[in-house]
Protein backbone atom coordinates (compact mmCIF):
# COMPACT_ATOMS: atom_id res chain seq x y z
CA LYS A 1 -24.00 8.92 -18.69
CA THR A 2 -23.10 5.28 -18.36
CA LEU A 3 -19.64 3.88 -17.77
CA VAL A 4 -19.08 0.99 -20.14
CA VAL A 5 -15.82 -0.82 -20.81
CA LEU A 6 -15.27 -1.41 -24.51
CA VAL A 7 -14.28 -4.46 -26.44
CA THR A 8 -13.50 -4.79 -30.07
CA ALA A 9 -14.27 -8.36 -30.94
CA LEU A 10 -17.77 -9.76 -30.63
CA GLY A 11 -17.75 -13.24 -29.16
CA ALA A 12 -13.98 -13.42 -28.73
CA LYS A 13 -12.37 -14.09 -25.38
CA PRO A 14 -10.51 -11.09 -23.96
CA THR A 15 -6.82 -11.38 -23.09
CA VAL A 16 -5.68 -10.54 -19.56
CA LEU A 17 -1.99 -9.94 -18.91
CA VAL A 18 -0.99 -10.76 -15.31
CA ALA A 19 2.35 -9.01 -14.84
CA GLU A 20 3.03 -9.96 -11.21
CA LYS A 21 2.39 -13.07 -9.11
CA LEU A 22 -1.30 -13.56 -8.38
CA GLY A 23 -2.93 -16.19 -6.18
CA ASP A 24 -4.16 -19.36 -7.89
CA ALA A 25 -7.80 -18.70 -7.05
CA GLY A 26 -7.69 -15.43 -8.95
CA ILE A 27 -5.95 -16.98 -11.95
CA GLN A 28 -8.52 -19.77 -12.13
CA LEU A 29 -11.40 -17.29 -11.99
CA LEU A 30 -9.84 -15.23 -14.80
CA ARG A 31 -9.40 -18.34 -16.95
CA THR A 32 -13.12 -19.08 -16.84
CA PHE A 33 -13.68 -15.88 -18.80
CA ALA A 34 -10.49 -14.82 -20.55
CA ASN A 35 -7.22 -15.92 -22.07
CA VAL A 36 -4.67 -15.36 -19.33
CA ASP A 37 -1.03 -14.50 -20.02
CA CYS A 38 1.10 -14.73 -16.86
CA SER A 39 4.34 -12.91 -17.73
CA TYR A 40 6.31 -11.78 -14.69
CA ASN A 41 9.34 -9.50 -14.31
CA LEU A 42 8.73 -7.68 -17.58
CA SER A 43 10.96 -4.73 -18.33
CA PRO A 44 9.15 -1.45 -19.16
CA GLU A 45 9.99 -2.03 -22.81
CA GLU A 46 8.65 -5.59 -22.75
CA LEU A 47 5.44 -4.45 -21.09
CA CYS A 48 4.92 -1.77 -23.74
CA THR A 49 5.46 -4.36 -26.47
CA LYS A 50 2.96 -6.87 -25.02
CA ILE A 51 0.24 -4.45 -23.99
CA SER A 52 -1.18 -3.82 -27.47
CA LEU A 53 -2.34 -7.46 -27.48
CA CYS A 54 -4.18 -7.21 -24.14
CA ASP A 55 -7.61 -6.07 -23.03
CA ALA A 56 -6.76 -6.01 -19.33
CA LEU A 57 -3.64 -5.79 -17.19
CA ILE A 58 -3.22 -6.89 -13.58
CA VAL A 59 -0.28 -5.65 -11.49
CA ARG A 60 0.78 -5.41 -7.88
CA SER A 61 3.01 -2.58 -6.59
CA GLY A 62 6.18 -3.46 -8.49
CA THR A 63 5.02 -2.65 -12.04
CA LYS A 64 4.80 0.95 -13.19
CA VAL A 65 1.82 1.48 -15.51
CA THR A 66 2.98 4.69 -17.13
CA ARG A 67 1.60 6.94 -19.84
CA GLU A 68 3.87 5.10 -22.27
CA VAL A 69 2.06 1.85 -21.46
CA PHE A 70 -1.34 3.36 -22.27
CA GLU A 71 0.00 4.92 -25.45
CA SER A 72 1.55 1.60 -26.50
CA ALA A 73 -1.80 -0.15 -25.99
CA MET A 74 -3.18 1.80 -28.97
CA GLY A 75 -6.67 1.86 -27.52
CA ARG A 76 -7.05 -1.85 -26.80
CA LEU A 77 -6.34 -1.81 -23.05
CA LYS A 78 -9.66 -1.34 -21.27
CA VAL A 79 -8.97 -2.29 -17.65
CA VAL A 80 -5.99 -2.07 -15.30
CA GLY A 81 -6.41 -4.03 -12.08
CA ARG A 82 -4.20 -3.19 -9.12
CA ALA A 83 -4.00 -6.23 -6.82
CA GLY A 84 -3.89 -4.21 -3.63
CA VAL A 85 -4.90 -0.79 -2.38
CA GLY A 86 -2.37 1.84 -3.46
CA ILE A 87 -2.57 3.02 -7.06
CA ASP A 88 0.44 5.37 -7.09
CA ASN A 89 2.20 3.06 -9.58
CA VAL A 90 -0.57 3.65 -12.15
CA ASP A 91 -0.82 6.89 -14.13
CA ILE A 92 -4.51 7.53 -13.45
CA SER A 93 -4.66 10.64 -15.59
CA ALA A 94 -3.24 8.80 -18.60
CA ALA A 95 -5.61 5.89 -18.01
CA THR A 96 -8.61 8.18 -18.00
CA GLU A 97 -7.45 10.02 -21.11
CA HIS A 98 -7.13 6.69 -22.95
CA GLY A 99 -10.54 5.41 -21.84
CA CYS A 100 -9.09 2.78 -19.51
CA LEU A 101 -10.80 1.88 -16.26
CA VAL A 102 -8.57 1.37 -13.19
CA VAL A 103 -9.81 -0.89 -10.40
CA ASN A 104 -8.13 -1.98 -7.19
CA ALA A 105 -8.66 -4.50 -4.38
CA PRO A 106 -9.06 -2.33 -1.31
CA THR A 107 -10.46 -4.73 1.28
CA ALA A 108 -8.83 -8.17 1.14
CA ASN A 109 -5.45 -7.20 2.59
CA THR A 110 -6.72 -4.77 5.24
CA ILE A 111 -6.30 -7.09 8.23
CA ALA A 112 -2.91 -8.38 7.04
CA ALA A 113 -1.56 -4.84 6.71
CA ALA A 114 -2.94 -3.86 10.11
CA GLU A 115 -1.44 -6.94 11.75
CA HIS A 116 1.95 -6.17 10.21
CA GLY A 117 1.74 -2.64 11.52
CA ILE A 118 1.11 -3.97 15.03
CA ALA A 119 3.93 -6.50 14.61
CA LEU A 120 6.37 -3.69 13.80
CA LEU A 121 4.98 -1.54 16.63
CA THR A 122 5.70 -4.24 19.20
CA ALA A 123 9.02 -5.16 17.58
CA VAL A 124 10.43 -1.63 17.92
CA SER A 125 9.14 -1.21 21.45
CA ARG A 126 11.12 -4.27 22.57
CA ASN A 127 14.10 -4.18 20.14
CA VAL A 128 13.16 -7.61 18.80
CA ALA A 129 15.13 -7.44 15.54
CA GLN A 130 18.26 -6.02 17.14
CA ALA A 131 18.20 -8.50 20.03
CA ASP A 132 17.68 -11.40 17.64
CA ALA A 133 20.71 -10.36 15.57
CA SER A 134 22.77 -9.93 18.73
CA VAL A 135 22.00 -13.41 20.10
CA LYS A 136 22.70 -14.99 16.70
CA ALA A 137 26.06 -13.22 16.75
CA GLY A 138 26.90 -15.05 19.99
CA LYS A 139 26.16 -12.18 22.37
CA TRP A 140 23.87 -11.91 25.39
CA GLU A 141 23.14 -8.20 25.87
CA ARG A 142 20.13 -7.99 28.15
CA ASN A 143 20.95 -4.53 29.45
CA LYS A 144 21.49 -3.07 25.98
CA TYR A 145 18.05 -4.00 24.68
CA VAL A 146 15.77 -2.76 27.44
CA GLY A 147 12.56 -1.68 25.73
CA VAL A 148 9.55 0.50 26.47
CA SER A 149 6.03 -0.53 27.39
CA LEU A 150 3.06 0.17 25.11
CA VAL A 151 0.47 0.44 27.89
CA GLY A 152 -0.48 4.06 28.49
CA LYS A 153 1.56 5.37 25.54
CA THR A 154 -0.03 7.54 22.87
CA LEU A 155 -0.21 6.20 19.32
CA ALA A 156 -0.97 8.63 16.50
CA VAL A 157 -2.53 6.88 13.51
CA MET A 158 -1.89 9.01 10.44
CA GLY A 159 -4.59 8.10 7.94
CA PHE A 160 -7.77 6.66 9.47
CA GLY A 161 -9.00 4.53 6.58
CA LYS A 162 -9.53 0.78 6.52
CA VAL A 163 -6.03 -0.18 7.67
CA GLY A 164 -5.52 2.74 10.02
CA SER A 165 -8.77 2.08 11.86
CA GLU A 166 -7.92 -1.61 12.28
CA VAL A 167 -4.51 -0.69 13.68
CA ALA A 168 -6.27 1.66 16.10
CA ARG A 169 -8.62 -1.11 17.29
CA ARG A 170 -5.70 -3.42 17.99
CA ALA A 171 -3.64 -0.73 19.70
CA LYS A 172 -6.54 0.03 22.01
CA GLY A 173 -6.54 -3.65 22.94
CA LEU A 174 -2.87 -3.28 23.93
CA GLY A 175 -3.78 -0.51 26.35
CA MET A 176 -2.56 2.41 24.25
CA GLN A 177 -4.15 5.84 24.02
CA VAL A 178 -4.99 6.28 20.33
CA ILE A 179 -5.40 9.53 18.42
CA ALA A 180 -5.67 9.90 14.66
CA HIS A 181 -5.17 12.51 11.98
CA ASP A 182 -7.17 12.29 8.77
CA PRO A 183 -8.88 15.33 7.22
CA TYR A 184 -11.40 13.07 5.47
CA ALA A 185 -12.36 10.69 8.28
CA PRO A 186 -15.74 11.17 10.02
CA ALA A 187 -15.35 11.96 13.71
CA ASP A 188 -18.22 9.68 14.72
CA ARG A 189 -16.51 6.64 13.17
CA ALA A 190 -13.37 7.41 15.19
CA ARG A 191 -15.33 7.99 18.40
CA ALA A 192 -17.09 4.64 17.95
CA ILE A 193 -13.82 2.84 18.67
CA GLY A 194 -12.55 5.32 21.24
CA VAL A 195 -10.24 7.33 18.98
CA GLU A 196 -9.98 11.12 18.92
CA LEU A 197 -9.35 12.88 15.61
CA VAL A 198 -6.76 15.63 16.02
CA SER A 199 -4.81 18.09 13.90
CA PHE A 200 -1.54 17.15 12.23
CA GLU A 201 0.27 19.44 14.67
CA GLU A 202 -1.30 17.82 17.75
CA ALA A 203 -0.56 14.34 16.44
CA LEU A 204 3.10 15.21 15.97
CA THR A 205 3.60 16.89 19.32
CA THR A 206 1.81 14.39 21.56
CA ALA A 207 2.52 10.94 20.11
CA ASP A 208 4.97 8.44 21.57
CA PHE A 209 4.45 6.24 18.50
CA ILE A 210 3.36 7.32 15.03
CA SER A 211 1.93 4.78 12.58
CA LEU A 212 1.55 5.84 8.94
CA HIS A 213 -1.42 4.67 6.85
CA MET A 214 -2.06 7.39 4.29
CA PRO A 215 -1.94 6.95 0.51
CA LEU A 216 0.91 8.48 -1.49
CA THR A 217 -0.44 11.59 -3.20
CA PRO A 218 1.07 14.98 -4.08
CA ALA A 219 -0.30 16.23 -0.75
CA THR A 220 1.28 13.42 1.32
CA SER A 221 4.57 13.08 -0.55
CA LYS A 222 7.40 13.64 1.96
CA MET A 223 4.85 14.77 4.53
CA PHE A 224 7.29 13.61 7.19
CA ASN A 225 10.19 15.92 6.44
CA ASP A 226 12.66 18.01 8.47
CA GLU A 227 9.91 20.44 9.46
CA ALA A 228 7.62 17.67 10.69
CA PHE A 229 10.41 15.92 12.59
CA SER A 230 11.33 19.21 14.28
CA ARG A 231 7.90 19.23 15.93
CA VAL A 232 7.65 15.64 17.16
CA LYS A 233 8.11 14.56 20.75
CA LYS A 234 11.77 13.66 21.32
CA GLY A 235 12.18 9.89 21.35
CA VAL A 236 9.16 9.14 19.17
CA ARG A 237 9.04 5.82 17.32
CA ILE A 238 7.72 5.71 13.75
CA ILE A 239 6.13 2.80 11.88
CA ASN A 240 5.45 2.91 8.14
CA VAL A 241 3.44 0.22 6.36
CA ALA A 242 1.88 2.72 3.93
CA ARG A 243 4.13 4.04 1.15
CA GLY A 244 7.80 4.91 1.33
CA GLY A 245 7.30 8.25 -0.37
CA VAL A 246 5.33 9.75 2.52
CA ILE A 247 8.63 10.00 4.43
CA ASP A 248 11.60 12.09 3.36
CA GLU A 249 14.15 9.35 3.97
CA GLU A 250 17.11 11.74 4.32
CA ALA A 251 15.17 13.76 6.88
CA LEU A 252 14.30 10.61 8.83
CA LEU A 253 17.96 9.61 8.85
CA ARG A 254 18.90 13.01 10.30
CA ALA A 255 16.17 12.71 12.93
CA LEU A 256 17.42 9.25 13.95
CA ASP A 257 21.04 10.36 14.14
CA SER A 258 20.11 13.35 16.29
CA GLY A 259 17.96 11.26 18.63
CA ILE A 260 14.75 13.12 17.83
CA VAL A 261 13.36 9.84 16.52
CA ALA A 262 14.37 6.94 18.74
CA GLN A 263 13.50 4.16 16.31
CA ALA A 264 11.74 3.49 13.04
CA ALA A 265 10.18 0.37 11.55
CA LEU A 266 9.82 0.49 7.78
CA ASP A 267 8.03 -1.95 5.52
CA VAL A 268 8.12 0.39 2.52
CA PHE A 269 10.69 2.60 0.81
CA THR A 270 10.81 5.33 -1.80
CA GLU A 271 12.72 2.94 -4.05
CA GLU A 272 11.94 -0.76 -3.79
CA PRO A 273 14.02 -2.73 -3.28
CA PRO A 274 16.17 -0.04 -1.65
CA PRO A 275 19.79 0.29 -2.83
CA GLN A 276 22.34 -1.72 -0.87
CA GLU A 277 23.95 1.49 0.34
CA ASN A 278 20.65 2.78 1.82
CA LYS A 279 21.66 4.16 5.22
CA LEU A 280 18.23 3.69 6.76
CA VAL A 281 18.28 -0.04 6.06
CA ARG A 282 21.67 -0.35 7.76
CA HIS A 283 20.83 1.93 10.70
CA GLU A 284 21.00 0.23 14.10
CA ASN A 285 17.74 1.83 15.23
CA VAL A 286 15.71 0.89 12.16
CA THR A 287 13.79 -2.36 11.74
CA VAL A 288 13.00 -3.22 8.12
CA THR A 289 10.86 -5.70 6.21
CA PRO A 290 10.54 -6.09 2.40
CA HIS A 291 7.01 -4.70 1.84
CA LEU A 292 5.28 -7.56 3.66
CA GLY A 293 2.14 -5.68 4.70
CA ALA A 294 -0.19 -7.79 2.57
CA SER A 295 1.93 -10.92 2.65
CA THR A 296 -0.17 -13.53 4.36
CA THR A 297 -1.52 -16.61 2.63
CA GLU A 298 -5.08 -15.53 3.38
CA ALA A 299 -4.61 -11.97 2.14
CA GLN A 300 -2.88 -13.02 -1.06
CA GLU A 301 -5.74 -15.35 -2.02
CA GLY A 302 -8.31 -12.75 -1.03
CA VAL A 303 -6.67 -10.01 -3.07
CA ALA A 304 -6.37 -12.33 -6.07
CA LEU A 305 -10.08 -13.13 -6.01
CA GLU A 306 -11.10 -9.52 -5.36
CA ILE A 307 -9.11 -8.11 -8.28
CA ALA A 308 -10.04 -10.96 -10.63
CA GLU A 309 -13.74 -10.38 -9.92
CA ALA A 310 -13.34 -6.65 -10.48
CA VAL A 311 -11.49 -7.09 -13.78
CA VAL A 312 -13.93 -9.68 -15.13
CA GLY A 313 -16.88 -7.51 -14.12
CA ALA A 314 -15.38 -4.50 -15.82
CA LEU A 315 -14.70 -6.42 -19.02
CA LYS A 316 -18.37 -7.47 -19.00
CA GLY A 317 -19.35 -3.81 -18.92
CA GLU A 318 -20.41 -3.73 -15.28
CA LEU A 319 -19.85 -0.63 -13.19
CA ALA A 320 -17.01 -1.57 -10.84
CA ALA A 321 -17.49 -0.73 -7.16
CA THR A 322 -13.71 -0.48 -6.77
CA ALA A 323 -13.11 1.81 -9.77
CA VAL A 324 -10.69 4.64 -8.96
CA ASN A 325 -11.33 6.63 -12.14
CA ALA A 326 -14.24 7.20 -14.50
CA PRO A 327 -13.25 7.19 -18.15
CA MET A 328 -16.17 8.05 -20.41
CA VAL A 329 -16.16 5.81 -23.44
CA PRO A 330 -18.77 5.16 -26.13
CA ALA A 331 -21.04 2.19 -25.50
CA GLU A 332 -20.10 -0.84 -27.54
CA VAL A 333 -20.60 -4.55 -27.12
CA PRO A 334 -18.91 -5.82 -23.93
CA PHE A 335 -17.25 -9.19 -23.61
CA ARG A 336 -19.75 -11.77 -22.40
CA ASN A 337 -19.25 -15.51 -22.44
């Protein structure tokens, strides 16, 4: 069987709806092939209204592409492009049922996300955010913000994919002992950079720092809950640049208040942006950033080009290397300029 993305109008340009900010290079590439509608901050209702006029949709992490979106498309939507890695904001099952291909951009932001993970790792070890706020408040509290060294400490990388492995490489360069847990990672790839793959239990009980890099799936949802925190080494520090939903936020708050977890650095939350009353955001021992993992100039342009190329290729009927589903649809004439 052959995977082919359908079109309905021979010779007509397809329409691509870009629902969140995309780098200029990606927009320009799309415009060489398609009519591009850049409409940001659409409500769910507005998105459902527009989608029946579109052949492709490009989103980042802030737009939910639900079953209702696919139903509202009435068969016209052929490609959803996720400008980034995680696809938990796209209903993959509904996409497949409606013959819609879903592609992502899994490589361009890898280094940016890894660098942000390391930035948060070093920030929590030396209380950078808290000390900065203290000095700006007119204080000089050197004794209060004594940190801990990274050299010789054990870092558990949870999820040894593209980002996790890059974090591991950098942590090794800082003199840390690095272990990793990932049931799907090949042991030889880990050994090649001096990392030992271990069980979830061993990762929890031996790590001084835990860095999260797994996707959000039913299996990983709230993986770090009260039970998990009850088994960690007392005083562990946790960094999350993956997805907010992999941590039970109420359980993390309890672990911080009890001292089981010394500090946390969070770039992602279950609800984004988090509510103003979110106790984790306001916690003295939590460092937070507003989902900046992929937010470098270089990564943003790279992601824009990667997803634009994938969407254009899919609309032409090409088999996308970054496809995350495989809808089987009858072969018809693809868009070709």
